[in-house]
Structures are given as structure tokens and as C-alpha cells.
Amino acid sequence: MAKKTLVEILVHTPFTFTESNGEKTPFASGRHSVEKEVAEHWFVAAHADQTGSTLDSGGDTALLTAEIDSLKAQLEKQAKLIGEQAKQIDAKDTALGLLTAEVDSLKAAGAGANVKK
């Protein structure tokens, strides 16, 4: 198999890259290892910066390892985001419960004020 040169890019704006064969590859913010031709593509260059790091690949194993590392980093970032969002949902649920109790209390107090003597 021919050697492939991988270049590390730092994605600052998430995007989806469509290759000439129509294959789509999503890129989240963060570091990714891609083939040199992909890194130099105008669309990729508009959304990412090359870090200067390169890796010569002698086969699919190195490419797969680099891709797995990139996907693991993306997964960790998404897991962290999900955890933060779960905490926000819990906080909002608590606030909603308190406000609902307050509304019910005000309705009960208001119902008593409307009673004719």
C-alpha cells in the first residue's frame, strides 16, 4: 500500500466535508488527522487550521488508529456536553416544580378571596 501523509488540523468551525466521490465526513471542533489533500482543500482550510504535525502512514492501521483517536476525542466532548445539559435539565425541572407549587398556592389563595360572604 502506498504511503499516505496525514496532516493534523484544528477545526474551529464544525462542518461536513463532501469528497469528490460524494462521501461525506463530519468534522466537529477539535483536532483531526486527515490526508494532506483533504487538509489543503479550500473548504477545509476555511473551517480549520493546519497545526503543522504530520504522520506518514504505511497502511490502513495507522489511518484507522488516527481516526479512532479523533472519534474518541469527539465522543468525550459530546459526553461532557450531555452531562452538562442533563444538569441544566435537572435544575430547570426543580425550578419548574417550585413555580408550579407557587402558582397552585396563589390560585388557592385567589379562590378563597372570590368567595362571597
PDB file of N, CA and C in Angstrom:
ATOM      1  N   MET A   1       0.839  -1.177   0.000  1.00  0.00           N
ATOM      2  CA  MET A   1       0.000   0.000   0.000  1.00  0.00           C
ATOM      3  C   MET A   1       0.886   1.242   0.000  1.00  0.00           C
ATOM      4  N   ALA A   2       0.480   2.251  -0.741  1.00  0.00           N
ATOM      5  CA  ALA A   2       1.272   3.471  -0.843  1.00  0.00           C
ATOM      6  C   ALA A   2       1.220   4.252   0.459  1.00  0.00           C
ATOM      7  N   LYS A   3       2.317   4.946   0.701  1.00  0.00           N
ATOM      8  CA  LYS A   3       2.362   5.779   1.905  1.00  0.00           C
ATOM      9  C   LYS A   3       1.408   6.943   1.761  1.00  0.00           C
ATOM     10  N   LYS A   4       0.729   7.242   2.820  1.00  0.00           N
ATOM     11  CA  LYS A   4      -0.161   8.399   2.844  1.00  0.00           C
ATOM     12  C   LYS A   4       0.351   9.335   3.923  1.00  0.00           C
ATOM     13  N   THR A   5       0.290  10.615   3.638  1.00  0.00           N
ATOM     14  CA  THR A   5       0.714  11.595   4.622  1.00  0.00           C
ATOM     15  C   THR A   5      -0.527  12.175   5.283  1.00  0.00           C
ATOM     16  N   LEU A   6      -0.593  12.026   6.587  1.00  0.00           N
ATOM     17  CA  LEU A   6      -1.685  12.606   7.356  1.00  0.00           C
ATOM     18  C   LEU A   6      -1.222  13.926   7.933  1.00  0.00           C
ATOM     19  N   VAL A   7      -2.106  14.878   7.931  1.00  0.00           N
ATOM     20  CA  VAL A   7      -1.837  16.198   8.481  1.00  0.00           C
ATOM     21  C   VAL A   7      -2.839  16.447   9.586  1.00  0.00           C
ATOM     22  N   GLU A   8      -2.368  17.007  10.681  1.00  0.00           N
ATOM     23  CA  GLU A   8      -3.280  17.331  11.775  1.00  0.00           C
ATOM     24  C   GLU A   8      -3.878  18.703  11.524  1.00  0.00           C
ATOM     25  N   ILE A   9      -5.209  18.770  11.643  1.00  0.00           N
ATOM     26  CA  ILE A   9      -5.899  20.057  11.513  1.00  0.00           C
ATOM     27  C   ILE A   9      -6.630  20.351  12.816  1.00  0.00           C
ATOM     28  N   LEU A  10      -6.831  21.624  13.063  1.00  0.00           N
ATOM     29  CA  LEU A  10      -7.583  22.071  14.229  1.00  0.00           C
ATOM     30  C   LEU A  10      -8.834  22.761  13.710  1.00  0.00           C
ATOM     31  N   VAL A  11      -9.974  22.083  13.860  1.00  0.00           N
ATOM     32  CA  VAL A  11     -11.254  22.598  13.351  1.00  0.00           C
ATOM     33  C   VAL A  11     -11.794  23.635  14.333  1.00  0.00           C
ATOM     34  N   HIS A  12     -11.997  24.862  13.838  1.00  0.00           N
ATOM     35  CA  HIS A  12     -12.552  25.916  14.691  1.00  0.00           C
ATOM     36  C   HIS A  12     -14.047  26.099  14.458  1.00  0.00           C
ATOM     37  N   THR A  13     -14.550  25.691  13.293  1.00  0.00           N
ATOM     38  CA  THR A  13     -15.971  25.761  12.981  1.00  0.00           C
ATOM     39  C   THR A  13     -16.419  24.403  12.454  1.00  0.00           C
ATOM     40  N   PRO A  14     -17.314  23.705  13.168  1.00  0.00           N
ATOM     41  CA  PRO A  14     -17.746  22.380  12.707  1.00  0.00           C
ATOM     42  C   PRO A  14     -18.315  22.439  11.286  1.00  0.00           C
ATOM     43  N   PHE A  15     -18.057  21.393  10.503  1.00  0.00           N
ATOM     44  CA  PHE A  15     -18.522  21.349   9.120  1.00  0.00           C
ATOM     45  C   PHE A  15     -18.592  19.906   8.645  1.00  0.00           C
ATOM     46  N   THR A  16     -19.210  19.714   7.483  1.00  0.00           N
ATOM     47  CA  THR A  16     -19.232  18.415   6.829  1.00  0.00           C
ATOM     48  C   THR A  16     -18.523  18.562   5.495  1.00  0.00           C
ATOM     49  N   PHE A  17     -17.508  17.749   5.282  1.00  0.00           N
ATOM     50  CA  PHE A  17     -16.722  17.784   4.050  1.00  0.00           C
ATOM     51  C   PHE A  17     -17.258  16.736   3.090  1.00  0.00           C
ATOM     52  N   THR A  18     -17.541  17.148   1.852  1.00  0.00           N
ATOM     53  CA  THR A  18     -18.003  16.228   0.822  1.00  0.00           C
ATOM     54  C   THR A  18     -16.871  16.019  -0.178  1.00  0.00           C
ATOM     55  N   GLU A  19     -16.411  14.780  -0.264  1.00  0.00           N
ATOM     56  CA  GLU A  19     -15.325  14.456  -1.176  1.00  0.00           C
ATOM     57  C   GLU A  19     -15.846  14.373  -2.603  1.00  0.00           C
ATOM     58  N   SER A  20     -14.920  14.324  -3.563  1.00  0.00           N
ATOM     59  CA  SER A  20     -15.308  14.303  -4.976  1.00  0.00           C
ATOM     60  C   SER A  20     -16.154  13.073  -5.327  1.00  0.00           C
ATOM     61  N   ASN A  21     -16.020  11.987  -4.575  1.00  0.00           N
ATOM     62  CA  ASN A  21     -16.824  10.788  -4.833  1.00  0.00           C
ATOM     63  C   ASN A  21     -18.190  10.851  -4.136  1.00  0.00           C
ATOM     64  N   GLY A  22     -18.473  11.947  -3.455  1.00  0.00           N
ATOM     65  CA  GLY A  22     -19.762  12.134  -2.788  1.00  0.00           C
ATOM     66  C   GLY A  22     -19.783  11.694  -1.343  1.00  0.00           C
ATOM     67  N   GLU A  23     -18.696  11.082  -0.866  1.00  0.00           N
ATOM     68  CA  GLU A  23     -18.631  10.635   0.529  1.00  0.00           C
ATOM     69  C   GLU A  23     -18.550  11.848   1.452  1.00  0.00           C
ATOM     70  N   LYS A  24     -19.382  11.834   2.485  1.00  0.00           N
ATOM     71  CA  LYS A  24     -19.429  12.961   3.427  1.00  0.00           C
ATOM     72  C   LYS A  24     -18.759  12.581   4.735  1.00  0.00           C
ATOM     73  N   THR A  25     -17.976  13.512   5.267  1.00  0.00           N
ATOM     74  CA  THR A  25     -17.288  13.289   6.530  1.00  0.00           C
ATOM     75  C   THR A  25     -17.562  14.479   7.439  1.00  0.00           C
ATOM     76  N   PRO A  26     -18.242  14.268   8.583  1.00  0.00           N
ATOM     77  CA  PRO A  26     -18.472  15.380   9.507  1.00  0.00           C
ATOM     78  C   PRO A  26     -17.219  15.639  10.348  1.00  0.00           C
ATOM     79  N   PHE A  27     -16.946  16.899  10.613  1.00  0.00           N
ATOM     80  CA  PHE A  27     -15.827  17.294  11.454  1.00  0.00           C
ATOM     81  C   PHE A  27     -16.347  18.189  12.569  1.00  0.00           C
ATOM     82  N   ALA A  28     -16.207  17.731  13.801  1.00  0.00           N
ATOM     83  CA  ALA A  28     -16.565  18.537  14.963  1.00  0.00           C
ATOM     84  C   ALA A  28     -15.373  19.427  15.308  1.00  0.00           C
ATOM     85  N   SER A  29     -15.585  20.397  16.163  1.00  0.00           N
ATOM     86  CA  SER A  29     -14.476  21.235  16.615  1.00  0.00           C
ATOM     87  C   SER A  29     -13.443  20.366  17.300  1.00  0.00           C
ATOM     88  N   GLY A  30     -12.174  20.702  17.089  1.00  0.00           N
ATOM     89  CA  GLY A  30     -11.107  19.944  17.724  1.00  0.00           C
ATOM     90  C   GLY A  30     -10.059  19.497  16.724  1.00  0.00           C
ATOM     91  N   ARG A  31      -9.166  18.627  17.185  1.00  0.00           N
ATOM     92  CA  ARG A  31      -8.053  18.141  16.360  1.00  0.00           C
ATOM     93  C   ARG A  31      -8.458  16.889  15.594  1.00  0.00           C
ATOM     94  N   HIS A  32      -8.034  16.832  14.335  1.00  0.00           N
ATOM     95  CA  HIS A  32      -8.307  15.689  13.472  1.00  0.00           C
ATOM     96  C   HIS A  32      -7.083  15.413  12.623  1.00  0.00           C
ATOM     97  N   SER A  33      -6.855  14.149  12.308  1.00  0.00           N
ATOM     98  CA  SER A  33      -5.805  13.760  11.379  1.00  0.00           C
ATOM     99  C   SER A  33      -6.462  13.407  10.062  1.00  0.00           C
ATOM    100  N   VAL A  34      -6.066  14.108   9.001  1.00  0.00           N
ATOM    101  CA  VAL A  34      -6.651  13.889   7.683  1.00  0.00           C
ATOM    102  C   VAL A  34      -5.537  13.784   6.648  1.00  0.00           C
ATOM    103  N   GLU A  35      -5.880  13.275   5.487  1.00  0.00           N
ATOM    104  CA  GLU A  35      -4.916  13.218   4.405  1.00  0.00           C
ATOM    105  C   GLU A  35      -4.553  14.639   3.981  1.00  0.00           C
ATOM    106  N   LYS A  36      -3.338  14.789   3.496  1.00  0.00           N
ATOM    107  CA  LYS A  36      -2.826  16.106   3.136  1.00  0.00           C
ATOM    108  C   LYS A  36      -3.728  16.804   2.116  1.00  0.00           C
ATOM    109  N   GLU A  37      -4.232  16.042   1.147  1.00  0.00           N
ATOM    110  CA  GLU A  37      -5.094  16.629   0.117  1.00  0.00           C
ATOM    111  C   GLU A  37      -6.372  17.198   0.732  1.00  0.00           C
ATOM    112  N   VAL A  38      -6.908  16.511   1.721  1.00  0.00           N
ATOM    113  CA  VAL A  38      -8.119  16.989   2.395  1.00  0.00           C
ATOM    114  C   VAL A  38      -7.809  18.255   3.184  1.00  0.00           C
ATOM    115  N   ALA A  39      -6.688  18.252   3.899  1.00  0.00           N
ATOM    116  CA  ALA A  39      -6.315  19.414   4.716  1.00  0.00           C
ATOM    117  C   ALA A  39      -6.107  20.657   3.870  1.00  0.00           C
ATOM    118  N   GLU A  40      -5.645  20.464   2.624  1.00  0.00           N
ATOM    119  CA  GLU A  40      -5.361  21.611   1.757  1.00  0.00           C
ATOM    120  C   GLU A  40      -6.570  22.044   0.932  1.00  0.00           C
ATOM    121  N   HIS A  41      -7.671  21.309   1.017  1.00  0.00           N
ATOM    122  CA  HIS A  41      -8.883  21.678   0.277  1.00  0.00           C
ATOM    123  C   HIS A  41      -9.375  23.032   0.776  1.00  0.00           C
ATOM    124  N   TRP A  42      -9.854  23.869  -0.126  1.00  0.00           N
ATOM    125  CA  TRP A  42     -10.245  25.231   0.246  1.00  0.00           C
ATOM    126  C   TRP A  42     -11.342  25.250   1.304  1.00  0.00           C
ATOM    127  N   PHE A  43     -12.287  24.302   1.230  1.00  0.00           N
ATOM    128  CA  PHE A  43     -13.392  24.301   2.184  1.00  0.00           C
ATOM    129  C   PHE A  43     -12.913  23.914   3.580  1.00  0.00           C
ATOM    130  N   VAL A  44     -12.037  22.925   3.641  1.00  0.00           N
ATOM    131  CA  VAL A  44     -11.459  22.512   4.929  1.00  0.00           C
ATOM    132  C   VAL A  44     -10.626  23.649   5.500  1.00  0.00           C
ATOM    133  N   ALA A  45      -9.835  24.300   4.640  1.00  0.00           N
ATOM    134  CA  ALA A  45      -8.988  25.407   5.087  1.00  0.00           C
ATOM    135  C   ALA A  45      -9.814  26.572   5.637  1.00  0.00           C
ATOM    136  N   ALA A  46     -11.039  26.728   5.147  1.00  0.00           N
ATOM    137  CA  ALA A  46     -11.899  27.814   5.632  1.00  0.00           C
ATOM    138  C   ALA A  46     -12.432  27.535   7.032  1.00  0.00           C
ATOM    139  N   HIS A  47     -12.466  26.249   7.440  1.00  0.00           N
ATOM    140  CA  HIS A  47     -13.037  25.870   8.726  1.00  0.00           C
ATOM    141  C   HIS A  47     -12.013  25.343   9.727  1.00  0.00           C
ATOM    142  N   ALA A  48     -10.754  25.205   9.275  1.00  0.00           N
ATOM    143  CA  ALA A  48      -9.740  24.606  10.143  1.00  0.00           C
ATOM    144  C   ALA A  48      -8.371  25.192   9.825  1.00  0.00           C
ATOM    145  N   ASP A  49      -7.464  25.041  10.777  1.00  0.00           N
ATOM    146  CA  ASP A  49      -6.078  25.458  10.599  1.00  0.00           C
ATOM    147  C   ASP A  49      -5.197  24.224  10.683  1.00  0.00           C
ATOM    148  N   GLN A  50      -4.159  24.177   9.852  1.00  0.00           N
ATOM    149  CA  GLN A  50      -3.203  23.076   9.943  1.00  0.00           C
ATOM    150  C   GLN A  50      -2.280  23.358  11.120  1.00  0.00           C
ATOM    151  N   THR A  51      -2.016  22.332  11.915  1.00  0.00           N
ATOM    152  CA  THR A  51      -1.169  22.515  13.088  1.00  0.00           C
ATOM    153  C   THR A  51       0.298  22.332  12.758  1.00  0.00           C
ATOM    154  N   GLY A  52       0.594  21.762  11.597  1.00  0.00           N
ATOM    155  CA  GLY A  52       1.986  21.529  11.232  1.00  0.00           C
ATOM    156  C   GLY A  52       2.436  20.114  11.535  1.00  0.00           C
ATOM    157  N   SER A  53       1.664  19.372  12.299  1.00  0.00           N
ATOM    158  CA  SER A  53       2.019  17.992  12.627  1.00  0.00           C
ATOM    159  C   SER A  53       1.648  17.092  11.450  1.00  0.00           C
ATOM    160  N   THR A  54       2.548  16.181  11.113  1.00  0.00           N
ATOM    161  CA  THR A  54       2.272  15.230  10.046  1.00  0.00           C
ATOM    162  C   THR A  54       2.601  13.832  10.525  1.00  0.00           C
ATOM    163  N   LEU A  55       2.017  12.859   9.872  1.00  0.00           N
ATOM    164  CA  LEU A  55       2.251  11.453  10.184  1.00  0.00           C
ATOM    165  C   LEU A  55       2.269  10.701   8.870  1.00  0.00           C
ATOM    166  N   ASP A  56       3.381  10.013   8.575  1.00  0.00           N
ATOM    167  CA  ASP A  56       3.447   9.183   7.379  1.00  0.00           C
ATOM    168  C   ASP A  56       2.836   7.844   7.714  1.00  0.00           C
ATOM    169  N   SER A  57       1.911   7.439   6.909  1.00  0.00           N
ATOM    170  CA  SER A  57       1.211   6.187   7.151  1.00  0.00           C
ATOM    171  C   SER A  57       1.641   5.155   6.140  1.00  0.00           C
ATOM    172  N   GLY A  58       1.978   3.991   6.620  1.00  0.00           N
ATOM    173  CA  GLY A  58       2.348   2.917   5.738  1.00  0.00           C
ATOM    174  C   GLY A  58       1.178   1.994   5.462  1.00  0.00           C
ATOM    175  N   GLY A  59       0.069   2.189   6.084  1.00  0.00           N
ATOM    176  CA  GLY A  59      -1.054   1.285   5.858  1.00  0.00           C
ATOM    177  C   GLY A  59      -2.306   1.758   6.541  1.00  0.00           C
ATOM    178  N   ASP A  60      -3.304   0.925   6.430  1.00  0.00           N
ATOM    179  CA  ASP A  60      -4.611   1.259   6.980  1.00  0.00           C
ATOM    180  C   ASP A  60      -4.612   1.317   8.501  1.00  0.00           C
ATOM    181  N   THR A  61      -3.735   0.573   9.157  1.00  0.00           N
ATOM    182  CA  THR A  61      -3.725   0.530  10.619  1.00  0.00           C
ATOM    183  C   THR A  61      -3.475   1.906  11.209  1.00  0.00           C
ATOM    184  N   ALA A  62      -2.494   2.628  10.677  1.00  0.00           N
ATOM    185  CA  ALA A  62      -2.199   3.968  11.193  1.00  0.00           C
ATOM    186  C   ALA A  62      -3.353   4.919  10.917  1.00  0.00           C
ATOM    187  N   LEU A  63      -3.956   4.794   9.731  1.00  0.00           N
ATOM    188  CA  LEU A  63      -5.104   5.643   9.413  1.00  0.00           C
ATOM    189  C   LEU A  63      -6.263   5.371  10.356  1.00  0.00           C
ATOM    190  N   LEU A  64      -6.535   4.101  10.602  1.00  0.00           N
ATOM    191  CA  LEU A  64      -7.636   3.734  11.488  1.00  0.00           C
ATOM    192  C   LEU A  64      -7.374   4.176  12.918  1.00  0.00           C
ATOM    193  N   THR A  65      -6.125   4.034  13.365  1.00  0.00           N
ATOM    194  CA  THR A  65      -5.779   4.455  14.718  1.00  0.00           C
ATOM    195  C   THR A  65      -5.981   5.953  14.878  1.00  0.00           C
ATOM    196  N   ALA A  66      -5.543   6.721  13.885  1.00  0.00           N
ATOM    197  CA  ALA A  66      -5.720   8.175  13.940  1.00  0.00           C
ATOM    198  C   ALA A  66      -7.202   8.536  13.939  1.00  0.00           C
ATOM    199  N   GLU A  67      -7.975   7.850  13.126  1.00  0.00           N
ATOM    200  CA  GLU A  67      -9.415   8.122  13.067  1.00  0.00           C
ATOM    201  C   GLU A  67     -10.098   7.736  14.381  1.00  0.00           C
ATOM    202  N   ILE A  68      -9.698   6.611  14.961  1.00  0.00           N
ATOM    203  CA  ILE A  68     -10.266   6.183  16.243  1.00  0.00           C
ATOM    204  C   ILE A  68      -9.956   7.196  17.328  1.00  0.00           C
ATOM    205  N   ASP A  69      -8.714   7.687  17.359  1.00  0.00           N
ATOM    206  CA  ASP A  69      -8.343   8.698  18.351  1.00  0.00           C
ATOM    207  C   ASP A  69      -9.182   9.957  18.185  1.00  0.00           C
ATOM    208  N   SER A  70      -9.384  10.363  16.952  1.00  0.00           N
ATOM    209  CA  SER A  70     -10.193  11.549  16.675  1.00  0.00           C
ATOM    210  C   SER A  70     -11.638  11.334  17.126  1.00  0.00           C
ATOM    211  N   LEU A  71     -12.176  10.157  16.825  1.00  0.00           N
ATOM    212  CA  LEU A  71     -13.557   9.867  17.220  1.00  0.00           C
ATOM    213  C   LEU A  71     -13.712   9.765  18.733  1.00  0.00           C
ATOM    214  N   LYS A  72     -12.690   9.217  19.408  1.00  0.00           N
ATOM    215  CA  LYS A  72     -12.727   9.147  20.868  1.00  0.00           C
ATOM    216  C   LYS A  72     -12.769  10.549  21.465  1.00  0.00           C
ATOM    217  N   ALA A  73     -11.967  11.452  20.917  1.00  0.00           N
ATOM    218  CA  ALA A  73     -11.958  12.834  21.411  1.00  0.00           C
ATOM    219  C   ALA A  73     -13.321  13.488  21.199  1.00  0.00           C
ATOM    220  N   GLN A  74     -13.922  13.249  20.033  1.00  0.00           N
ATOM    221  CA  GLN A  74     -15.250  13.791  19.764  1.00  0.00           C
ATOM    222  C   GLN A  74     -16.285  13.211  20.724  1.00  0.00           C
ATOM    223  N   LEU A  75     -16.184  11.916  20.990  1.00  0.00           N
ATOM    224  CA  LEU A  75     -17.118  11.240  21.891  1.00  0.00           C
ATOM    225  C   LEU A  75     -17.003  11.789  23.304  1.00  0.00           C
ATOM    226  N   GLU A  76     -15.778  11.991  23.777  1.00  0.00           N
ATOM    227  CA  GLU A  76     -15.576  12.545  25.117  1.00  0.00           C
ATOM    228  C   GLU A  76     -16.172  13.943  25.221  1.00  0.00           C
ATOM    229  N   LYS A  77     -15.988  14.740  24.172  1.00  0.00           N
ATOM    230  CA  LYS A  77     -16.538  16.100  24.173  1.00  0.00           C
ATOM    231  C   LYS A  77     -18.065  16.056  24.219  1.00  0.00           C
ATOM    232  N   GLN A  78     -18.670  15.160  23.428  1.00  0.00           N
ATOM    233  CA  GLN A  78     -20.124  15.039  23.410  1.00  0.00           C
ATOM    234  C   GLN A  78     -20.665  14.511  24.739  1.00  0.00           C
ATOM    235  N   ALA A  79     -19.957  13.570  25.354  1.00  0.00           N
ATOM    236  CA  ALA A  79     -20.383  13.039  26.650  1.00  0.00           C
ATOM    237  C   ALA A  79     -20.363  14.137  27.707  1.00  0.00           C
ATOM    238  N   LYS A  80     -19.348  14.980  27.667  1.00  0.00           N
ATOM    239  CA  LYS A  80     -19.260  16.095  28.614  1.00  0.00           C
ATOM    240  C   LYS A  80     -20.425  17.060  28.392  1.00  0.00           C
ATOM    241  N   LEU A  81     -20.710  17.356  27.137  1.00  0.00           N
ATOM    242  CA  LEU A  81     -21.805  18.259  26.810  1.00  0.00           C
ATOM    243  C   LEU A  81     -23.141  17.685  27.272  1.00  0.00           C
ATOM    244  N   ILE A  82     -23.341  16.387  27.072  1.00  0.00           N
ATOM    245  CA  ILE A  82     -24.586  15.736  27.508  1.00  0.00           C
ATOM    246  C   ILE A  82     -24.724  15.806  29.021  1.00  0.00           C
ATOM    247  N   GLY A  83     -23.627  15.603  29.744  1.00  0.00           N
ATOM    248  CA  GLY A  83     -23.657  15.700  31.202  1.00  0.00           C
ATOM    249  C   GLY A  83     -24.049  17.098  31.664  1.00  0.00           C
ATOM    250  N   GLU A  84     -23.469  18.109  31.011  1.00  0.00           N
ATOM    251  CA  GLU A  84     -23.801  19.487  31.366  1.00  0.00           C
ATOM    252  C   GLU A  84     -25.272  19.786  31.071  1.00  0.00           C
ATOM    253  N   GLN A  85     -25.758  19.293  29.940  1.00  0.00           N
ATOM    254  CA  GLN A  85     -27.152  19.534  29.585  1.00  0.00           C
ATOM    255  C   GLN A  85     -28.103  18.797  30.529  1.00  0.00           C
ATOM    256  N   ALA A  86     -27.723  17.617  30.988  1.00  0.00           N
ATOM    257  CA  ALA A  86     -28.552  16.874  31.943  1.00  0.00           C
ATOM    258  C   ALA A  86     -28.669  17.653  33.252  1.00  0.00           C
ATOM    259  N   LYS A  87     -27.568  18.253  33.695  1.00  0.00           N
ATOM    260  CA  LYS A  87     -27.600  19.072  34.910  1.00  0.00           C
ATOM    261  C   LYS A  87     -28.519  20.278  34.724  1.00  0.00           C
ATOM    262  N   GLN A  88     -28.455  20.904  33.558  1.00  0.00           N
ATOM    263  CA  GLN A  88     -29.321  22.048  33.273  1.00  0.00           C
ATOM    264  C   GLN A  88     -30.789  21.630  33.279  1.00  0.00           C
ATOM    265  N   ILE A  89     -31.080  20.472  32.717  1.00  0.00           N
ATOM    266  CA  ILE A  89     -32.459  19.975  32.697  1.00  0.00           C
ATOM    267  C   ILE A  89     -32.948  19.711  34.118  1.00  0.00           C
ATOM    268  N   ASP A  90     -32.116  19.107  34.955  1.00  0.00           N
ATOM    269  CA  ASP A  90     -32.494  18.850  36.346  1.00  0.00           C
ATOM    270  C   ASP A  90     -32.779  20.155  37.082  1.00  0.00           C
ATOM    271  N   ALA A  91     -31.929  21.154  36.861  1.00  0.00           N
ATOM    272  CA  ALA A  91     -32.120  22.446  37.517  1.00  0.00           C
ATOM    273  C   ALA A  91     -33.431  23.093  37.051  1.00  0.00           C
ATOM    274  N   LYS A  92     -33.719  22.984  35.781  1.00  0.00           N
ATOM    275  CA  LYS A  92     -34.953  23.570  35.252  1.00  0.00           C
ATOM    276  C   LYS A  92     -36.177  22.809  35.741  1.00  0.00           C
ATOM    277  N   ASP A  93     -36.061  21.494  35.871  1.00  0.00           N
ATOM    278  CA  ASP A  93     -37.163  20.701  36.424  1.00  0.00           C
ATOM    279  C   ASP A  93     -37.456  21.112  37.867  1.00  0.00           C
ATOM    280  N   THR A  94     -36.410  21.331  38.639  1.00  0.00           N
ATOM    281  CA  THR A  94     -36.572  21.761  40.031  1.00  0.00           C
ATOM    282  C   THR A  94     -37.252  23.123  40.089  1.00  0.00           C
ATOM    283  N   ALA A  95     -36.772  24.052  39.245  1.00  0.00           N
ATOM    284  CA  ALA A  95     -37.365  25.388  39.208  1.00  0.00           C
ATOM    285  C   ALA A  95     -38.824  25.324  38.767  1.00  0.00           C
ATOM    286  N   LEU A  96     -39.120  24.475  37.797  1.00  0.00           N
ATOM    287  CA  LEU A  96     -40.495  24.323  37.324  1.00  0.00           C
ATOM    288  C   LEU A  96     -41.395  23.800  38.431  1.00  0.00           C
ATOM    289  N   GLY A  97     -40.894  22.834  39.205  1.00  0.00           N
ATOM    290  CA  GLY A  97     -41.673  22.300  40.322  1.00  0.00           C
ATOM    291  C   GLY A  97     -41.987  23.366  41.355  1.00  0.00           C
ATOM    292  N   LEU A  98     -40.993  24.194  41.670  1.00  0.00           N
ATOM    293  CA  LEU A  98     -41.210  25.274  42.638  1.00  0.00           C
ATOM    294  C   LEU A  98     -42.213  26.293  42.111  1.00  0.00           C
ATOM    295  N   LEU A  99     -42.088  26.657  40.849  1.00  0.00           N
ATOM    296  CA  LEU A  99     -43.016  27.636  40.278  1.00  0.00           C
ATOM    297  C   LEU A  99     -44.431  27.083  40.180  1.00  0.00           C
ATOM    298  N   THR A 100     -44.553  25.805  39.849  1.00  0.00           N
ATOM    299  CA  THR A 100     -45.871  25.179  39.783  1.00  0.00           C
ATOM    300  C   THR A 100     -46.531  25.183  41.158  1.00  0.00           C
ATOM    301  N   ALA A 101     -45.762  24.878  42.200  1.00  0.00           N
ATOM    302  CA  ALA A 101     -46.295  24.900  43.563  1.00  0.00           C
ATOM    303  C   ALA A 101     -46.714  26.310  43.943  1.00  0.00           C
ATOM    304  N   GLU A 102     -45.925  27.295  43.535  1.00  0.00           N
ATOM    305  CA  GLU A 102     -46.259  28.691  43.851  1.00  0.00           C
ATOM    306  C   GLU A 102     -47.531  29.117  43.126  1.00  0.00           C
ATOM    307  N   VAL A 103     -47.695  28.734  41.870  1.00  0.00           N
ATOM    308  CA  VAL A 103     -48.901  29.066  41.108  1.00  0.00           C
ATOM    309  C   VAL A 103     -50.121  28.408  41.749  1.00  0.00           C
ATOM    310  N   ASP A 104     -49.979  27.137  42.134  1.00  0.00           N
ATOM    311  CA  ASP A 104     -51.090  26.441  42.785  1.00  0.00           C
ATOM    312  C   ASP A 104     -51.466  27.134  44.092  1.00  0.00           C
ATOM    313  N   SER A 105     -50.471  27.565  44.836  1.00  0.00           N
ATOM    314  CA  SER A 105     -50.714  28.262  46.096  1.00  0.00           C
ATOM    315  C   SER A 105     -51.441  29.581  45.859  1.00  0.00           C
ATOM    316  N   LEU A 106     -51.007  30.317  44.837  1.00  0.00           N
ATOM    317  CA  LEU A 106     -51.655  31.595  44.521  1.00  0.00           C
ATOM    318  C   LEU A 106     -53.084  31.387  44.016  1.00  0.00           C
ATOM    319  N   LYS A 107     -53.291  30.320  43.243  1.00  0.00           N
ATOM    320  CA  LYS A 107     -54.651  30.015  42.782  1.00  0.00           C
ATOM    321  C   LYS A 107     -55.547  29.697  43.964  1.00  0.00           C
ATOM    322  N   ALA A 108     -55.040  28.928  44.914  1.00  0.00           N
ATOM    323  CA  ALA A 108     -55.829  28.574  46.094  1.00  0.00           C
ATOM    324  C   ALA A 108     -56.144  29.803  46.915  1.00  0.00           C
ATOM    325  N   ALA A 109     -55.171  30.682  47.071  1.00  0.00           N
ATOM    326  CA  ALA A 109     -55.402  31.911  47.838  1.00  0.00           C
ATOM    327  C   ALA A 109     -56.387  32.811  47.119  1.00  0.00           C
ATOM    328  N   GLY A 110     -56.301  32.850  45.782  1.00  0.00           N
ATOM    329  CA  GLY A 110     -57.193  33.667  44.980  1.00  0.00           C
ATOM    330  C   GLY A 110     -58.600  33.121  44.992  1.00  0.00           C
ATOM    331  N   ALA A 111     -58.768  31.821  45.027  1.00  0.00           N
ATOM    332  CA  ALA A 111     -60.081  31.187  45.043  1.00  0.00           C
ATOM    333  C   ALA A 111     -60.788  31.515  46.342  1.00  0.00           C
ATOM    334  N   GLY A 112     -60.042  31.589  47.435  1.00  0.00           N
ATOM    335  CA  GLY A 112     -60.633  31.923  48.724  1.00  0.00           C
ATOM    336  C   GLY A 112     -61.070  33.364  48.791  1.00  0.00           C
ATOM    337  N   ALA A 113     -60.410  34.243  48.043  1.00  0.00           N
ATOM    338  CA  ALA A 113     -60.757  35.662  48.052  1.00  0.00           C
ATOM    339  C   ALA A 113     -62.018  35.924  47.255  1.00  0.00           C
ATOM    340  N   ASN A 114     -62.365  35.052  46.322  1.00  0.00           N
ATOM    341  CA  ASN A 114     -63.531  35.265  45.482  1.00  0.00           C
ATOM    342  C   ASN A 114     -64.814  34.725  46.111  1.00  0.00           C
ATOM    343  N   VAL A 115     -64.728  34.117  47.258  1.00  0.00           N
ATOM    344  CA  VAL A 115     -65.906  33.547  47.900  1.00  0.00           C
ATOM    345  C   VAL A 115     -66.729  34.699  48.503  1.00  0.00           C
ATOM    346  N   LYS A 116     -68.058  34.712  48.197  1.00  0.00           N
ATOM    347  CA  LYS A 116     -68.916  35.761  48.721  1.00  0.00           C
ATOM    348  C   LYS A 116     -69.384  35.378  50.112  1.00  0.00           C
ATOM    349  N   LYS A 117     -69.479  36.379  50.978  1.00  0.00           N
ATOM    350  CA  LYS A 117     -69.911  36.158  52.350  1.00  0.00           C
ATOM    351  C   LYS A 117     -71.353  36.453  52.507  1.00  0.00           C
TER     352      LYS A 117
END
